[in-house]
Amino acid sequence: MADASLDPLDRLTAERACERLIVEFVHELDLGEPGRVAALFTADGVWEWAEGDRRIEGRDGLRAYFGARPADRFSRRICTNILVTLTSASTATATTYFTTYRVDGHSGGMLPPRPPTQVGHYEDTFRKVDGRWLLSRRALFLAFGGPTENVGGAGGNL
């Protein structure tokens, strides 16, 4: 439930900070250094899949998990319908739809189009720590998903 007692400017600033975290997360995975997503979480932060046995806790665990991503993985994520709800002056939740395009074995260059590997949504919980908004929990829910294709170096053919 949204906290109606917050000043409108404070609410807007907090919502924008949380939206930025959502975008920074996928930016690091796709264009940055995947292990750095750990810094976007609280010290006790959690990443989990709603179905299955993937649950990673704490910054060290998150850094190791995301940092172990294959070096030849090529991905782009599209996030839409980001809805942040402040629940207090220092807590918030969000739901974000995402689509992931991903292949392994990429050696560079543009690839021919292919269907997405995943379509789903994230459910996030945020906490303000020492004046900075951070993810405290991210859960991934898949509506559609499949295996990651291995293109075996088939890049740059267009």
Protein backbone atom coordinates (compact mmCIF):
# COMPACT_ATOMS: atom_id res chain seq x y z
CA MET A 1 0.00 0.00 0.00
CA ALA A 2 1.30 3.45 -0.92
CA ASP A 3 2.30 5.85 1.83
CA ALA A 4 0.23 9.03 1.28
CA SER A 5 2.06 11.01 3.99
CA LEU A 6 5.16 11.70 1.89
CA ASP A 7 5.86 15.08 0.36
CA PRO A 8 5.18 14.89 -3.42
CA LEU A 9 8.75 15.89 -4.33
CA ASP A 10 10.21 13.31 -1.92
CA ARG A 11 7.90 10.68 -3.41
CA LEU A 12 8.94 11.56 -6.97
CA THR A 13 12.63 11.55 -6.05
CA ALA A 14 12.35 8.16 -4.34
CA GLU A 15 10.36 6.64 -7.21
CA ARG A 16 12.93 7.87 -9.72
CA ALA A 17 15.81 6.45 -7.63
CA CYS A 18 14.13 3.04 -7.60
CA GLU A 19 13.41 3.20 -11.35
CA ARG A 20 17.06 4.01 -11.94
CA LEU A 21 18.13 0.92 -9.97
CA ILE A 22 15.92 -1.22 -12.21
CA VAL A 23 17.55 0.22 -15.31
CA GLU A 24 21.08 0.07 -13.87
CA PHE A 25 20.60 -3.63 -13.10
CA VAL A 26 19.89 -4.59 -16.72
CA HIS A 27 22.49 -2.12 -18.02
CA GLU A 28 25.22 -3.85 -15.99
CA LEU A 29 24.09 -7.29 -17.18
CA ASP A 30 23.95 -6.30 -20.85
CA LEU A 31 26.58 -3.61 -21.34
CA GLY A 32 28.59 -3.42 -18.14
CA GLU A 33 30.14 -5.82 -15.70
CA PRO A 34 27.54 -8.35 -14.45
CA GLY A 35 29.21 -8.81 -11.06
CA ARG A 36 28.64 -5.12 -10.29
CA VAL A 37 24.89 -5.65 -9.90
CA ALA A 38 25.72 -6.81 -6.36
CA ALA A 39 26.42 -3.17 -5.41
CA LEU A 40 22.80 -2.30 -6.27
CA PHE A 41 21.55 -4.56 -3.45
CA THR A 42 21.52 -4.12 0.31
CA ALA A 43 24.19 -6.09 2.19
CA ASP A 44 21.56 -8.78 2.90
CA GLY A 45 19.96 -8.52 -0.55
CA VAL A 46 18.27 -11.50 -2.19
CA TRP A 47 17.82 -12.56 -5.85
CA GLU A 48 15.43 -15.42 -6.46
CA TRP A 49 13.37 -17.18 -9.08
CA ALA A 50 9.78 -17.75 -8.01
CA GLU A 51 9.94 -21.24 -9.49
CA GLY A 52 12.97 -23.42 -9.01
CA ASP A 53 15.80 -23.46 -6.57
CA ARG A 54 17.69 -20.26 -7.43
CA ARG A 55 18.05 -18.06 -4.37
CA ILE A 56 21.20 -16.01 -3.92
CA GLU A 57 21.73 -14.04 -0.70
CA GLY A 58 24.18 -11.30 0.24
CA ARG A 59 26.46 -9.12 -1.86
CA ASP A 60 29.30 -11.67 -2.01
CA GLY A 61 26.92 -14.37 -3.23
CA LEU A 62 25.33 -12.01 -5.75
CA ARG A 63 28.73 -10.87 -7.04
CA ALA A 64 29.87 -14.48 -7.50
CA TYR A 65 26.59 -15.55 -9.13
CA PHE A 66 26.33 -12.72 -11.65
CA GLY A 67 30.11 -12.55 -12.15
CA ALA A 68 30.09 -16.21 -13.28
CA ARG A 69 28.08 -15.31 -16.38
CA PRO A 70 29.74 -16.83 -19.50
CA ALA A 71 32.14 -14.39 -21.16
CA ASP A 72 30.63 -15.16 -24.59
CA ARG A 73 27.05 -14.46 -23.49
CA PHE A 74 25.41 -11.66 -25.48
CA SER A 75 22.16 -10.24 -24.16
CA ARG A 76 19.76 -7.33 -24.30
CA ARG A 77 16.92 -6.81 -21.88
CA ILE A 78 13.95 -4.56 -22.45
CA CYS A 79 12.13 -3.33 -19.34
CA THR A 80 8.68 -1.75 -19.49
CA ASN A 81 5.66 -0.99 -17.32
CA ILE A 82 7.82 -0.03 -14.33
CA LEU A 83 5.45 0.64 -11.43
CA VAL A 84 7.13 1.81 -8.20
CA THR A 85 5.05 2.14 -5.03
CA LEU A 86 6.47 3.82 -1.95
CA THR A 87 5.36 1.99 1.16
CA SER A 88 7.14 4.35 3.58
CA ALA A 89 9.81 7.04 3.54
CA SER A 90 12.47 4.31 3.38
CA THR A 91 10.80 1.33 1.66
CA ALA A 92 9.24 0.71 -1.74
CA THR A 93 8.10 -2.05 -4.06
CA ALA A 94 8.03 -2.30 -7.85
CA THR A 95 6.80 -4.51 -10.64
CA THR A 96 8.62 -4.41 -13.99
CA TYR A 97 7.92 -6.37 -17.16
CA PHE A 98 10.98 -7.59 -19.05
CA THR A 99 11.93 -9.32 -22.28
CA THR A 100 15.37 -10.94 -22.62
CA TYR A 101 17.16 -11.64 -25.87
CA ARG A 102 20.21 -13.79 -25.16
CA VAL A 103 22.70 -16.13 -26.85
CA ASP A 104 25.91 -17.86 -25.80
CA GLY A 105 28.91 -18.42 -28.05
CA HIS A 106 28.86 -14.87 -29.42
CA SER A 107 32.17 -13.70 -30.86
CA GLY A 108 31.15 -10.23 -31.99
CA GLY A 109 29.05 -8.46 -34.54
CA MET A 110 25.35 -8.24 -35.16
CA LEU A 111 23.23 -11.39 -35.13
CA PRO A 112 20.15 -12.18 -37.20
CA PRO A 113 16.91 -11.61 -35.24
CA ARG A 114 15.64 -14.40 -33.02
CA PRO A 115 12.78 -14.78 -30.57
CA PRO A 116 13.25 -13.73 -26.96
CA THR A 117 14.66 -16.23 -24.49
CA GLN A 118 12.51 -14.95 -21.61
CA VAL A 119 9.43 -12.83 -21.04
CA GLY A 120 8.30 -12.16 -17.51
CA HIS A 121 8.32 -9.68 -14.70
CA TYR A 122 10.40 -8.70 -11.70
CA GLU A 123 8.93 -8.01 -8.28
CA ASP A 124 11.31 -5.81 -6.33
CA THR A 125 11.56 -4.56 -2.78
CA PHE A 126 13.71 -1.51 -2.07
CA ARG A 127 15.15 -0.07 1.12
CA LYS A 128 16.81 3.27 1.69
CA VAL A 129 20.15 2.72 3.45
CA ASP A 130 22.35 5.63 4.51
CA GLY A 131 20.46 7.96 2.16
CA ARG A 132 20.71 5.63 -0.88
CA TRP A 133 17.96 3.48 -2.36
CA LEU A 134 18.98 -0.16 -2.90
CA LEU A 135 17.31 -3.41 -3.93
CA SER A 136 16.66 -5.61 -0.92
CA ARG A 137 14.92 -8.38 -2.86
CA ARG A 138 14.36 -9.15 -6.53
CA ALA A 139 12.16 -12.04 -7.58
CA LEU A 140 11.93 -13.12 -11.22
CA PHE A 141 8.69 -14.58 -12.60
CA LEU A 142 8.70 -16.12 -16.08
CA ALA A 143 5.61 -16.25 -18.26
CA PHE A 144 7.60 -17.56 -21.24
CA GLY A 145 11.09 -19.04 -21.26
CA GLY A 146 13.38 -21.31 -23.15
CA PRO A 147 17.00 -22.42 -23.35
CA THR A 148 19.77 -19.99 -24.27
CA GLU A 149 20.84 -20.65 -27.85
CA ASN A 150 24.54 -21.23 -28.50
CA VAL A 151 25.49 -19.53 -31.75
CA GLY A 152 29.04 -20.94 -31.70
CA GLY A 153 30.76 -17.83 -33.02
CA ALA A 154 28.17 -17.07 -35.73
CA GLY A 155 28.38 -13.30 -35.38
CA GLY A 156 28.80 -10.44 -37.80
CA ASN A 157 27.20 -12.15 -40.79
CA LEU A 158 24.87 -9.33 -41.82
